[in-house]
Protein backbone atom coordinates (compact mmCIF):
# COMPACT_ATOMS: atom_id res chain seq x y z
CA UNK A 1 69.28 145.18 -5.33
CA UNK A 2 69.80 142.40 -2.83
CA UNK A 3 71.03 139.53 -5.02
CA UNK A 4 70.68 138.58 -8.68
CA UNK A 5 71.61 135.26 -10.27
CA UNK A 6 73.26 135.48 -13.70
CA UNK A 7 72.51 132.59 -16.09
CA UNK A 8 73.42 131.83 -19.68
CA UNK A 9 71.06 130.86 -22.51
CA UNK A 10 71.08 127.21 -21.44
CA UNK A 11 69.97 128.25 -17.93
CA UNK A 12 73.38 127.37 -16.45
CA UNK A 13 74.38 129.56 -13.50
CA UNK A 14 77.36 131.78 -14.32
CA UNK A 15 77.44 133.66 -11.04
CA UNK A 16 75.63 136.25 -8.98
CA UNK A 17 75.84 139.89 -8.03
CA UNK A 18 75.09 141.28 -4.57
CA UNK A 19 74.87 144.76 -3.14
CA UNK A 20 77.84 145.68 -1.00
CA UNK A 21 78.58 148.63 1.25
CA UNK A 22 77.42 151.94 -0.11
CA UNK A 23 76.92 151.78 -3.86
CA UNK A 24 79.38 148.92 -4.41
CA UNK A 25 78.32 145.72 -6.16
CA UNK A 26 80.14 142.46 -5.36
CA UNK A 27 80.43 139.85 -8.13
CA UNK A 28 80.65 136.10 -7.40
CA UNK A 29 81.26 133.14 -9.71
CA UNK A 30 79.17 129.95 -9.90
CA UNK A 31 81.17 128.42 -7.00
CA UNK A 32 80.30 131.45 -4.80
CA UNK A 33 83.86 132.86 -4.85
CA UNK A 34 84.20 136.63 -5.02
CA UNK A 35 85.72 137.53 -8.39
CA UNK A 36 85.49 141.30 -8.17
CA UNK A 37 83.67 144.47 -7.30
CA UNK A 38 81.99 147.29 -9.21
CA UNK A 39 82.25 150.77 -7.74
CA UNK A 40 80.67 154.07 -8.74
CA UNK A 41 83.13 156.53 -10.17
CA UNK A 42 82.72 160.19 -10.99
CA UNK A 43 80.48 161.58 -13.74
CA UNK A 44 78.26 158.49 -14.03
CA UNK A 45 81.00 155.93 -14.54
CA UNK A 46 81.16 152.42 -13.13
CA UNK A 47 84.58 150.89 -12.54
CA UNK A 48 85.19 147.13 -12.36
CA UNK A 49 87.93 145.73 -10.14
CA UNK A 50 89.24 142.17 -9.96
CA UNK A 51 89.63 140.13 -6.78
CA UNK A 52 92.88 141.83 -5.76
CA UNK A 53 91.62 145.38 -6.32
CA UNK A 54 93.14 146.17 -9.74
CA UNK A 55 90.90 148.12 -12.11
CA UNK A 56 90.02 145.99 -15.15
CA UNK A 57 87.41 148.11 -16.97
CA UNK A 58 85.13 151.13 -16.83
CA UNK A 59 81.61 151.79 -18.10
CA UNK A 60 80.23 155.22 -18.99
CA UNK A 61 76.49 155.18 -18.30
CA UNK A 62 75.84 158.27 -20.44
CA UNK A 63 77.36 156.88 -23.66
CA UNK A 64 77.19 153.13 -22.94
CA UNK A 65 80.88 152.66 -23.74
CA UNK A 66 82.95 149.93 -22.06
CA UNK A 67 86.70 150.58 -21.88
CA UNK A 68 89.39 148.18 -20.71
CA UNK A 69 92.13 149.07 -18.22
CA UNK A 70 94.28 150.67 -20.93
CA UNK A 71 91.46 152.97 -22.07
CA UNK A 72 90.66 151.15 -25.34
CA UNK A 73 86.94 151.05 -26.16
CA UNK A 74 85.72 147.43 -26.07
CA UNK A 75 81.99 147.99 -26.70
CA UNK A 76 79.62 150.84 -27.53
CA UNK A 77 75.95 151.22 -26.61
CA UNK A 78 76.17 148.59 -23.89
CA UNK A 79 74.06 148.13 -20.76
CA UNK A 80 75.18 147.60 -17.16
CA UNK A 81 74.55 143.86 -17.47
CA UNK A 82 76.70 143.75 -20.63
CA UNK A 83 79.43 145.46 -18.61
CA UNK A 84 79.26 142.86 -15.81
CA UNK A 85 79.29 139.93 -18.25
CA UNK A 86 82.18 141.32 -20.31
CA UNK A 87 84.28 141.96 -17.21
CA UNK A 88 83.69 138.80 -15.24
CA UNK A 89 81.94 136.04 -17.20
CA UNK A 90 83.28 136.20 -20.77
CA UNK A 91 85.95 133.73 -21.77
């Protein structure tokens, strides 16, 4: 994946995601500022980090569960795109 633009239902640009080093994914807002990074964890998990490197959520690809930084389940049966939107573009 080189770069993907993320838009809402009204076709307004929310941000974009770009491939980083290794298997990392960098997330940018609509103003092209880096808001975070998604890194591969162990056992098929993705971990989302904010701009200063603090973990904000995790996503289990096997079950589709999104958990916040305290371990509480936020969503079940989600996709990777749901994970990115919940972590970085929800209000």
